[in-house]
Amino acid sequence: MQLCWKLALMMMVLVCVTAQQSNYRRPTRVGVSCCKEVSKGRIPAAIKLVGYKHQNALSPCVDAIIFYTEKEKFCSDPDALWIKNRLKGLKEIVD
């Protein structure tokens, strides 16, 4: 009889420990990958853009429009006069 109680108690402890581990979340690593400076220079029309994202200023990042191509990105000044025309027809990329 005592063996059954010990076995039942061990099973309950095992279930509780297993349940606790499934609720545990490890912290995720967040890398800072953002525009720290921008250019007012126009992106040539020959460069095919696939999307854009507006980045808010939150140190060390600056306020920027990030234009994406298939292989690279360009950090542009959101106040540059040519920005509005280049945004037309582009899809905003949401993280």
PDB file of N, CA and C in Angstrom:
ATOM      1  N   MET A   1       0.823  -1.204   0.000  1.00  0.00           N
ATOM      2  CA  MET A   1       0.000   0.000   0.000  1.00  0.00           C
ATOM      3  C   MET A   1       0.863   1.263   0.000  1.00  0.00           C
ATOM      4  N   GLN A   2       1.918   1.254   0.842  1.00  0.00           N
ATOM      5  CA  GLN A   2       2.800   2.416   0.886  1.00  0.00           C
ATOM      6  C   GLN A   2       3.483   2.628  -0.453  1.00  0.00           C
ATOM      7  N   LEU A   3       3.801   1.579  -1.144  1.00  0.00           N
ATOM      8  CA  LEU A   3       4.448   1.672  -2.439  1.00  0.00           C
ATOM      9  C   LEU A   3       3.548   2.385  -3.447  1.00  0.00           C
ATOM     10  N   CYS A   4       2.249   2.112  -3.404  1.00  0.00           N
ATOM     11  CA  CYS A   4       1.292   2.781  -4.296  1.00  0.00           C
ATOM     12  C   CYS A   4       1.244   4.281  -4.027  1.00  0.00           C
ATOM     13  N   TRP A   5       1.252   4.664  -2.729  1.00  0.00           N
ATOM     14  CA  TRP A   5       1.208   6.073  -2.381  1.00  0.00           C
ATOM     15  C   TRP A   5       2.482   6.782  -2.852  1.00  0.00           C
ATOM     16  N   LYS A   6       3.621   6.143  -2.653  1.00  0.00           N
ATOM     17  CA  LYS A   6       4.886   6.741  -3.082  1.00  0.00           C
ATOM     18  C   LYS A   6       4.920   6.892  -4.607  1.00  0.00           C
ATOM     19  N   LEU A   7       4.443   5.861  -5.283  1.00  0.00           N
ATOM     20  CA  LEU A   7       4.399   5.902  -6.736  1.00  0.00           C
ATOM     21  C   LEU A   7       3.454   7.002  -7.236  1.00  0.00           C
ATOM     22  N   ALA A   8       2.306   7.124  -6.600  1.00  0.00           N
ATOM     23  CA  ALA A   8       1.339   8.159  -6.971  1.00  0.00           C
ATOM     24  C   ALA A   8       1.917   9.553  -6.714  1.00  0.00           C
ATOM     25  N   LEU A   9       2.593   9.711  -5.578  1.00  0.00           N
ATOM     26  CA  LEU A   9       3.202  11.001  -5.240  1.00  0.00           C
ATOM     27  C   LEU A   9       4.293  11.365  -6.251  1.00  0.00           C
ATOM     28  N   MET A  10       5.117  10.387  -6.633  1.00  0.00           N
ATOM     29  CA  MET A  10       6.159  10.641  -7.613  1.00  0.00           C
ATOM     30  C   MET A  10       5.567  11.030  -8.968  1.00  0.00           C
ATOM     31  N   MET A  11       4.480  10.391  -9.339  1.00  0.00           N
ATOM     32  CA  MET A  11       3.816  10.720 -10.601  1.00  0.00           C
ATOM     33  C   MET A  11       3.266  12.144 -10.575  1.00  0.00           C
ATOM     34  N   MET A  12       2.685  12.540  -9.449  1.00  0.00           N
ATOM     35  CA  MET A  12       2.135  13.900  -9.335  1.00  0.00           C
ATOM     36  C   MET A  12       3.249  14.937  -9.440  1.00  0.00           C
ATOM     37  N   VAL A  13       4.385  14.666  -8.780  1.00  0.00           N
ATOM     38  CA  VAL A  13       5.513  15.593  -8.847  1.00  0.00           C
ATOM     39  C   VAL A  13       6.021  15.690 -10.284  1.00  0.00           C
ATOM     40  N   LEU A  14       6.126  14.574 -10.954  1.00  0.00           N
ATOM     41  CA  LEU A  14       6.573  14.557 -12.345  1.00  0.00           C
ATOM     42  C   LEU A  14       5.639  15.361 -13.251  1.00  0.00           C
ATOM     43  N   VAL A  15       4.343  15.211 -13.062  1.00  0.00           N
ATOM     44  CA  VAL A  15       3.364  15.960 -13.854  1.00  0.00           C
ATOM     45  C   VAL A  15       3.490  17.459 -13.589  1.00  0.00           C
ATOM     46  N   CYS A  16       3.655  17.836 -12.321  1.00  0.00           N
ATOM     47  CA  CYS A  16       3.778  19.266 -11.982  1.00  0.00           C
ATOM     48  C   CYS A  16       5.045  19.874 -12.583  1.00  0.00           C
ATOM     49  N   VAL A  17       6.153  19.165 -12.506  1.00  0.00           N
ATOM     50  CA  VAL A  17       7.409  19.672 -13.057  1.00  0.00           C
ATOM     51  C   VAL A  17       7.308  19.803 -14.574  1.00  0.00           C
ATOM     52  N   THR A  18       6.729  18.828 -15.223  1.00  0.00           N
ATOM     53  CA  THR A  18       6.572  18.868 -16.674  1.00  0.00           C
ATOM     54  C   THR A  18       5.672  20.026 -17.085  1.00  0.00           C
ATOM     55  N   ALA A  19       4.590  20.250 -16.359  1.00  0.00           N
ATOM     56  CA  ALA A  19       3.671  21.348 -16.677  1.00  0.00           C
ATOM     57  C   ALA A  19       4.358  22.698 -16.503  1.00  0.00           C
ATOM     58  N   GLN A  20       5.203  22.828 -15.484  1.00  0.00           N
ATOM     59  CA  GLN A  20       5.913  24.085 -15.257  1.00  0.00           C
ATOM     60  C   GLN A  20       6.877  24.378 -16.402  1.00  0.00           C
ATOM     61  N   GLN A  21       7.552  23.368 -16.888  1.00  0.00           N
ATOM     62  CA  GLN A  21       8.532  23.581 -17.953  1.00  0.00           C
ATOM     63  C   GLN A  21       7.872  23.982 -19.262  1.00  0.00           C
ATOM     64  N   SER A  22       6.674  23.513 -19.532  1.00  0.00           N
ATOM     65  CA  SER A  22       6.021  23.871 -20.789  1.00  0.00           C
ATOM     66  C   SER A  22       5.554  25.320 -20.798  1.00  0.00           C
ATOM     67  N   ASN A  23       5.344  25.921 -19.623  1.00  0.00           N
ATOM     68  CA  ASN A  23       4.917  27.317 -19.542  1.00  0.00           C
ATOM     69  C   ASN A  23       6.101  28.283 -19.532  1.00  0.00           C
ATOM     70  N   TYR A  24       7.295  27.765 -19.359  1.00  0.00           N
ATOM     71  CA  TYR A  24       8.483  28.609 -19.301  1.00  0.00           C
ATOM     72  C   TYR A  24       8.849  29.096 -20.695  1.00  0.00           C
ATOM     73  N   ARG A  25       9.089  30.372 -20.811  1.00  0.00           N
ATOM     74  CA  ARG A  25       9.515  30.952 -22.086  1.00  0.00           C
ATOM     75  C   ARG A  25      10.887  31.552 -21.910  1.00  0.00           C
ATOM     76  N   ARG A  26      11.777  31.167 -22.780  1.00  0.00           N
ATOM     77  CA  ARG A  26      13.102  31.762 -22.740  1.00  0.00           C
ATOM     78  C   ARG A  26      13.039  33.155 -23.347  1.00  0.00           C
ATOM     79  N   PRO A  27      13.831  34.083 -22.832  1.00  0.00           N
ATOM     80  CA  PRO A  27      13.851  35.410 -23.452  1.00  0.00           C
ATOM     81  C   PRO A  27      14.442  35.322 -24.848  1.00  0.00           C
ATOM     82  N   THR A  28      13.903  36.122 -25.733  1.00  0.00           N
ATOM     83  CA  THR A  28      14.418  36.122 -27.100  1.00  0.00           C
ATOM     84  C   THR A  28      15.500  37.186 -27.224  1.00  0.00           C
ATOM     85  N   ARG A  29      16.435  36.930 -28.072  1.00  0.00           N
ATOM     86  CA  ARG A  29      17.495  37.901 -28.315  1.00  0.00           C
ATOM     87  C   ARG A  29      16.997  38.937 -29.301  1.00  0.00           C
ATOM     88  N   VAL A  30      17.251  40.173 -28.983  1.00  0.00           N
ATOM     89  CA  VAL A  30      16.850  41.253 -29.870  1.00  0.00           C
ATOM     90  C   VAL A  30      18.115  41.962 -30.320  1.00  0.00           C
ATOM     91  N   GLY A  31      18.362  41.895 -31.596  1.00  0.00           N
ATOM     92  CA  GLY A  31      19.524  42.579 -32.137  1.00  0.00           C
ATOM     93  C   GLY A  31      19.105  43.944 -32.663  1.00  0.00           C
ATOM     94  N   VAL A  32      19.966  44.908 -32.494  1.00  0.00           N
ATOM     95  CA  VAL A  32      19.660  46.237 -32.995  1.00  0.00           C
ATOM     96  C   VAL A  32      20.147  46.310 -34.435  1.00  0.00           C
ATOM     97  N   SER A  33      19.209  46.285 -35.351  1.00  0.00           N
ATOM     98  CA  SER A  33      19.522  46.398 -36.761  1.00  0.00           C
ATOM     99  C   SER A  33      18.625  47.494 -37.317  1.00  0.00           C
ATOM    100  N   CYS A  34      19.156  48.674 -37.370  1.00  0.00           N
ATOM    101  CA  CYS A  34      18.338  49.808 -37.794  1.00  0.00           C
ATOM    102  C   CYS A  34      19.220  50.847 -38.472  1.00  0.00           C
ATOM    103  N   CYS A  35      18.561  51.858 -39.011  1.00  0.00           N
ATOM    104  CA  CYS A  35      19.284  52.964 -39.631  1.00  0.00           C
ATOM    105  C   CYS A  35      19.759  53.919 -38.539  1.00  0.00           C
ATOM    106  N   LYS A  36      21.052  54.154 -38.526  1.00  0.00           N
ATOM    107  CA  LYS A  36      21.615  55.087 -37.551  1.00  0.00           C
ATOM    108  C   LYS A  36      21.940  56.426 -38.198  1.00  0.00           C
ATOM    109  N   GLU A  37      21.846  56.444 -39.532  1.00  0.00           N
ATOM    110  CA  GLU A  37      21.992  57.687 -40.297  1.00  0.00           C
ATOM    111  C   GLU A  37      21.228  57.530 -41.603  1.00  0.00           C
ATOM    112  N   VAL A  38      20.868  58.654 -42.197  1.00  0.00           N
ATOM    113  CA  VAL A  38      20.065  58.620 -43.425  1.00  0.00           C
ATOM    114  C   VAL A  38      20.716  59.467 -44.508  1.00  0.00           C
ATOM    115  N   SER A  39      20.233  59.239 -45.724  1.00  0.00           N
ATOM    116  CA  SER A  39      20.714  60.004 -46.865  1.00  0.00           C
ATOM    117  C   SER A  39      19.544  60.764 -47.475  1.00  0.00           C
ATOM    118  N   LYS A  40      19.803  61.985 -47.929  1.00  0.00           N
ATOM    119  CA  LYS A  40      18.787  62.734 -48.661  1.00  0.00           C
ATOM    120  C   LYS A  40      18.878  62.444 -50.153  1.00  0.00           C
ATOM    121  N   GLY A  41      19.929  61.746 -50.540  1.00  0.00           N
ATOM    122  CA  GLY A  41      20.155  61.436 -51.953  1.00  0.00           C
ATOM    123  C   GLY A  41      19.069  60.533 -52.519  1.00  0.00           C
ATOM    124  N   ARG A  42      18.688  60.815 -53.750  1.00  0.00           N
ATOM    125  CA  ARG A  42      17.633  60.070 -54.440  1.00  0.00           C
ATOM    126  C   ARG A  42      18.131  58.678 -54.830  1.00  0.00           C
ATOM    127  N   ILE A  43      17.278  57.679 -54.654  1.00  0.00           N
ATOM    128  CA  ILE A  43      17.591  56.331 -55.105  1.00  0.00           C
ATOM    129  C   ILE A  43      17.287  56.283 -56.600  1.00  0.00           C
ATOM    130  N   PRO A  44      18.234  55.887 -57.434  1.00  0.00           N
ATOM    131  CA  PRO A  44      18.005  55.877 -58.885  1.00  0.00           C
ATOM    132  C   PRO A  44      16.786  55.039 -59.278  1.00  0.00           C
ATOM    133  N   ALA A  45      16.077  55.499 -60.302  1.00  0.00           N
ATOM    134  CA  ALA A  45      14.870  54.797 -60.763  1.00  0.00           C
ATOM    135  C   ALA A  45      15.189  53.405 -61.286  1.00  0.00           C
ATOM    136  N   ALA A  46      16.422  53.168 -61.681  1.00  0.00           N
ATOM    137  CA  ALA A  46      16.814  51.850 -62.202  1.00  0.00           C
ATOM    138  C   ALA A  46      16.866  50.785 -61.098  1.00  0.00           C
ATOM    139  N   ILE A  47      16.943  51.217 -59.853  1.00  0.00           N
ATOM    140  CA  ILE A  47      16.976  50.261 -58.745  1.00  0.00           C
ATOM    141  C   ILE A  47      15.545  49.862 -58.408  1.00  0.00           C
ATOM    142  N   LYS A  48      15.256  48.571 -58.524  1.00  0.00           N
ATOM    143  CA  LYS A  48      13.906  48.062 -58.269  1.00  0.00           C
ATOM    144  C   LYS A  48      13.695  47.874 -56.766  1.00  0.00           C
ATOM    145  N   LEU A  49      12.733  48.615 -56.239  1.00  0.00           N
ATOM    146  CA  LEU A  49      12.395  48.513 -54.822  1.00  0.00           C
ATOM    147  C   LEU A  49      11.247  47.525 -54.650  1.00  0.00           C
ATOM    148  N   VAL A  50      11.309  46.732 -53.581  1.00  0.00           N
ATOM    149  CA  VAL A  50      10.253  45.747 -53.332  1.00  0.00           C
ATOM    150  C   VAL A  50       9.357  46.122 -52.153  1.00  0.00           C
ATOM    151  N   GLY A  51       9.768  47.097 -51.353  1.00  0.00           N
ATOM    152  CA  GLY A  51       8.947  47.523 -50.221  1.00  0.00           C
ATOM    153  C   GLY A  51       9.649  48.593 -49.408  1.00  0.00           C
ATOM    154  N   TYR A  52       8.951  49.050 -48.388  1.00  0.00           N
ATOM    155  CA  TYR A  52       9.527  50.075 -47.516  1.00  0.00           C
ATOM    156  C   TYR A  52       8.993  49.901 -46.103  1.00  0.00           C
ATOM    157  N   LYS A  53       9.659  50.551 -45.179  1.00  0.00           N
ATOM    158  CA  LYS A  53       9.215  50.565 -43.794  1.00  0.00           C
ATOM    159  C   LYS A  53       9.583  51.907 -43.199  1.00  0.00           C
ATOM    160  N   HIS A  54       8.691  52.457 -42.378  1.00  0.00           N
ATOM    161  CA  HIS A  54       9.006  53.697 -41.668  1.00  0.00           C
ATOM    162  C   HIS A  54       9.587  53.324 -40.320  1.00  0.00           C
ATOM    163  N   GLN A  55      10.783  53.809 -40.046  1.00  0.00           N
ATOM    164  CA  GLN A  55      11.454  53.550 -38.768  1.00  0.00           C
ATOM    165  C   GLN A  55      11.361  54.799 -37.911  1.00  0.00           C
ATOM    166  N   ASN A  56      10.847  54.654 -36.700  1.00  0.00           N
ATOM    167  CA  ASN A  56      10.782  55.773 -35.768  1.00  0.00           C
ATOM    168  C   ASN A  56      12.117  55.960 -35.073  1.00  0.00           C
ATOM    169  N   ALA A  57      12.360  57.176 -34.653  1.00  0.00           N
ATOM    170  CA  ALA A  57      13.602  57.478 -33.951  1.00  0.00           C
ATOM    171  C   ALA A  57      13.520  56.952 -32.521  1.00  0.00           C
ATOM    172  N   LEU A  58      14.389  56.038 -32.213  1.00  0.00           N
ATOM    173  CA  LEU A  58      14.522  55.500 -30.863  1.00  0.00           C
ATOM    174  C   LEU A  58      15.989  55.107 -30.740  1.00  0.00           C
ATOM    175  N   SER A  59      16.744  55.923 -30.031  1.00  0.00           N
ATOM    176  CA  SER A  59      18.193  55.796 -29.964  1.00  0.00           C
ATOM    177  C   SER A  59      18.625  54.339 -29.801  1.00  0.00           C
ATOM    178  N   PRO A  60      19.568  53.883 -30.580  1.00  0.00           N
ATOM    179  CA  PRO A  60      20.469  54.600 -31.487  1.00  0.00           C
ATOM    180  C   PRO A  60      19.895  54.784 -32.894  1.00  0.00           C
ATOM    181  N   CYS A  61      18.670  54.365 -33.133  1.00  0.00           N
ATOM    182  CA  CYS A  61      18.061  54.469 -34.466  1.00  0.00           C
ATOM    183  C   CYS A  61      17.534  55.891 -34.695  1.00  0.00           C
ATOM    184  N   VAL A  62      17.486  56.287 -35.970  1.00  0.00           N
ATOM    185  CA  VAL A  62      16.988  57.615 -36.332  1.00  0.00           C
ATOM    186  C   VAL A  62      15.701  57.476 -37.144  1.00  0.00           C
ATOM    187  N   ASP A  63      14.966  58.575 -37.254  1.00  0.00           N
ATOM    188  CA  ASP A  63      13.758  58.596 -38.075  1.00  0.00           C
ATOM    189  C   ASP A  63      14.171  58.369 -39.527  1.00  0.00           C
ATOM    190  N   ALA A  64      13.577  57.348 -40.160  1.00  0.00           N
ATOM    191  CA  ALA A  64      14.009  57.008 -41.515  1.00  0.00           C
ATOM    192  C   ALA A  64      12.915  56.267 -42.261  1.00  0.00           C
ATOM    193  N   ILE A  65      13.004  56.336 -43.583  1.00  0.00           N
ATOM    194  CA  ILE A  65      12.244  55.453 -44.460  1.00  0.00           C
ATOM    195  C   ILE A  65      13.268  54.451 -44.978  1.00  0.00           C
ATOM    196  N   ILE A  66      13.004  53.169 -44.737  1.00  0.00           N
ATOM    197  CA  ILE A  66      13.912  52.127 -45.194  1.00  0.00           C
ATOM    198  C   ILE A  66      13.322  51.525 -46.458  1.00  0.00           C
ATOM    199  N   PHE A  67      14.030  51.691 -47.559  1.00  0.00           N
ATOM    200  CA  PHE A  67      13.618  51.101 -48.822  1.00  0.00           C
ATOM    201  C   PHE A  67      14.339  49.772 -48.987  1.00  0.00           C
ATOM    202  N   TYR A  68      13.593  48.737 -49.396  1.00  0.00           N
ATOM    203  CA  TYR A  68      14.155  47.399 -49.562  1.00  0.00           C
ATOM    204  C   TYR A  68      14.217  47.008 -51.031  1.00  0.00           C
ATOM    205  N   THR A  69      15.343  46.439 -51.428  1.00  0.00           N
ATOM    206  CA  THR A  69      15.454  45.760 -52.717  1.00  0.00           C
ATOM    207  C   THR A  69      15.507  44.275 -52.371  1.00  0.00           C
ATOM    208  N   GLU A  70      15.733  43.435 -53.341  1.00  0.00           N
ATOM    209  CA  GLU A  70      15.805  42.008 -53.036  1.00  0.00           C
ATOM    210  C   GLU A  70      17.057  41.660 -52.237  1.00  0.00           C
ATOM    211  N   LYS A  71      18.092  42.488 -52.329  1.00  0.00           N
ATOM    212  CA  LYS A  71      19.347  42.145 -51.666  1.00  0.00           C
ATOM    213  C   LYS A  71      19.831  43.139 -50.625  1.00  0.00           C
ATOM    214  N   GLU A  72      19.348  44.354 -50.665  1.00  0.00           N
ATOM    215  CA  GLU A  72      19.863  45.358 -49.738  1.00  0.00           C
ATOM    216  C   GLU A  72      18.783  46.337 -49.313  1.00  0.00           C
ATOM    217  N   LYS A  73      19.163  47.245 -48.424  1.00  0.00           N
ATOM    218  CA  LYS A  73      18.223  48.271 -47.986  1.00  0.00           C
ATOM    219  C   LYS A  73      18.906  49.631 -47.996  1.00  0.00           C
ATOM    220  N   PHE A  74      18.077  50.672 -48.135  1.00  0.00           N
ATOM    221  CA  PHE A  74      18.552  52.044 -48.178  1.00  0.00           C
ATOM    222  C   PHE A  74      17.857  52.842 -47.087  1.00  0.00           C
ATOM    223  N   CYS A  75      18.632  53.556 -46.295  1.00  0.00           N
ATOM    224  CA  CYS A  75      18.096  54.408 -45.236  1.00  0.00           C
ATOM    225  C   CYS A  75      17.971  55.823 -45.781  1.00  0.00           C
ATOM    226  N   SER A  76      16.743  56.294 -45.893  1.00  0.00           N
ATOM    227  CA  SER A  76      16.493  57.606 -46.500  1.00  0.00           C
ATOM    228  C   SER A  76      15.813  58.546 -45.520  1.00  0.00           C
ATOM    229  N   ASP A  77      16.095  59.826 -45.707  1.00  0.00           N
ATOM    230  CA  ASP A  77      15.496  60.868 -44.879  1.00  0.00           C
ATOM    231  C   ASP A  77      14.012  60.995 -45.227  1.00  0.00           C
ATOM    232  N   PRO A  78      13.117  60.809 -44.258  1.00  0.00           N
ATOM    233  CA  PRO A  78      11.685  60.887 -44.560  1.00  0.00           C
ATOM    234  C   PRO A  78      11.226  62.276 -44.999  1.00  0.00           C
ATOM    235  N   ASP A  79      12.042  63.307 -44.746  1.00  0.00           N
ATOM    236  CA  ASP A  79      11.680  64.669 -45.144  1.00  0.00           C
ATOM    237  C   ASP A  79      12.186  65.035 -46.543  1.00  0.00           C
ATOM    238  N   ALA A  80      12.923  64.151 -47.182  1.00  0.00           N
ATOM    239  CA  ALA A  80      13.422  64.433 -48.536  1.00  0.00           C
ATOM    240  C   ALA A  80      12.229  64.562 -49.487  1.00  0.00           C
ATOM    241  N   LEU A  81      12.318  65.492 -50.416  1.00  0.00           N
ATOM    242  CA  LEU A  81      11.198  65.814 -51.296  1.00  0.00           C
ATOM    243  C   LEU A  81      10.788  64.663 -52.224  1.00  0.00           C
ATOM    244  N   TRP A  82      11.702  63.801 -52.610  1.00  0.00           N
ATOM    245  CA  TRP A  82      11.426  62.739 -53.574  1.00  0.00           C
ATOM    246  C   TRP A  82      10.775  61.503 -52.947  1.00  0.00           C
ATOM    247  N   ILE A  83      10.730  61.436 -51.640  1.00  0.00           N
ATOM    248  CA  ILE A  83      10.237  60.237 -50.931  1.00  0.00           C
ATOM    249  C   ILE A  83       8.807  59.875 -51.310  1.00  0.00           C
ATOM    250  N   LYS A  84       7.905  60.862 -51.296  1.00  0.00           N
ATOM    251  CA  LYS A  84       6.480  60.575 -51.561  1.00  0.00           C
ATOM    252  C   LYS A  84       6.279  59.908 -52.921  1.00  0.00           C
ATOM    253  N   ASN A  85       6.976  60.397 -53.929  1.00  0.00           N
ATOM    254  CA  ASN A  85       6.842  59.798 -55.263  1.00  0.00           C
ATOM    255  C   ASN A  85       7.354  58.362 -55.292  1.00  0.00           C
ATOM    256  N   ARG A  86       8.411  58.083 -54.564  1.00  0.00           N
ATOM    257  CA  ARG A  86       8.994  56.734 -54.586  1.00  0.00           C
ATOM    258  C   ARG A  86       8.153  55.739 -53.777  1.00  0.00           C
ATOM    259  N   LEU A  87       7.375  56.235 -52.812  1.00  0.00           N
ATOM    260  CA  LEU A  87       6.529  55.362 -52.001  1.00  0.00           C
ATOM    261  C   LEU A  87       5.307  54.849 -52.779  1.00  0.00           C
ATOM    262  N   LYS A  88       4.900  55.585 -53.816  1.00  0.00           N
ATOM    263  CA  LYS A  88       3.711  55.201 -54.577  1.00  0.00           C
ATOM    264  C   LYS A  88       3.872  53.804 -55.159  1.00  0.00           C
ATOM    265  N   GLY A  89       2.888  52.976 -54.900  1.00  0.00           N
ATOM    266  CA  GLY A  89       2.882  51.618 -55.461  1.00  0.00           C
ATOM    267  C   GLY A  89       3.720  50.611 -54.688  1.00  0.00           C
ATOM    268  N   LEU A  90       4.423  51.058 -53.657  1.00  0.00           N
ATOM    269  CA  LEU A  90       5.220  50.138 -52.851  1.00  0.00           C
ATOM    270  C   LEU A  90       4.414  49.615 -51.671  1.00  0.00           C
ATOM    271  N   LYS A  91       4.672  48.402 -51.321  1.00  0.00           N
ATOM    272  CA  LYS A  91       4.003  47.768 -50.186  1.00  0.00           C
ATOM    273  C   LYS A  91       4.796  48.049 -48.903  1.00  0.00           C
ATOM    274  N   GLU A  92       4.086  48.444 -47.845  1.00  0.00           N
ATOM    275  CA  GLU A  92       4.759  48.666 -46.567  1.00  0.00           C
ATOM    276  C   GLU A  92       5.065  47.321 -45.929  1.00  0.00           C
ATOM    277  N   ILE A  93       6.289  47.158 -45.488  1.00  0.00           N
ATOM    278  CA  ILE A  93       6.719  45.912 -44.847  1.00  0.00           C
ATOM    279  C   ILE A  93       6.486  46.061 -43.351  1.00  0.00           C
ATOM    280  N   VAL A  94       5.780  45.075 -42.795  1.00  0.00           N
ATOM    281  CA  VAL A  94       5.462  45.092 -41.370  1.00  0.00           C
ATOM    282  C   VAL A  94       6.224  43.971 -40.689  1.00  0.00           C
ATOM    283  N   ASP A  95       6.944  44.308 -39.629  1.00  0.00           N
ATOM    284  CA  ASP A  95       7.683  43.277 -38.875  1.00  0.00           C
ATOM    285  C   ASP A  95       6.770  42.521 -37.941  1.00  0.00           C
TER     286      ASP A  95
END
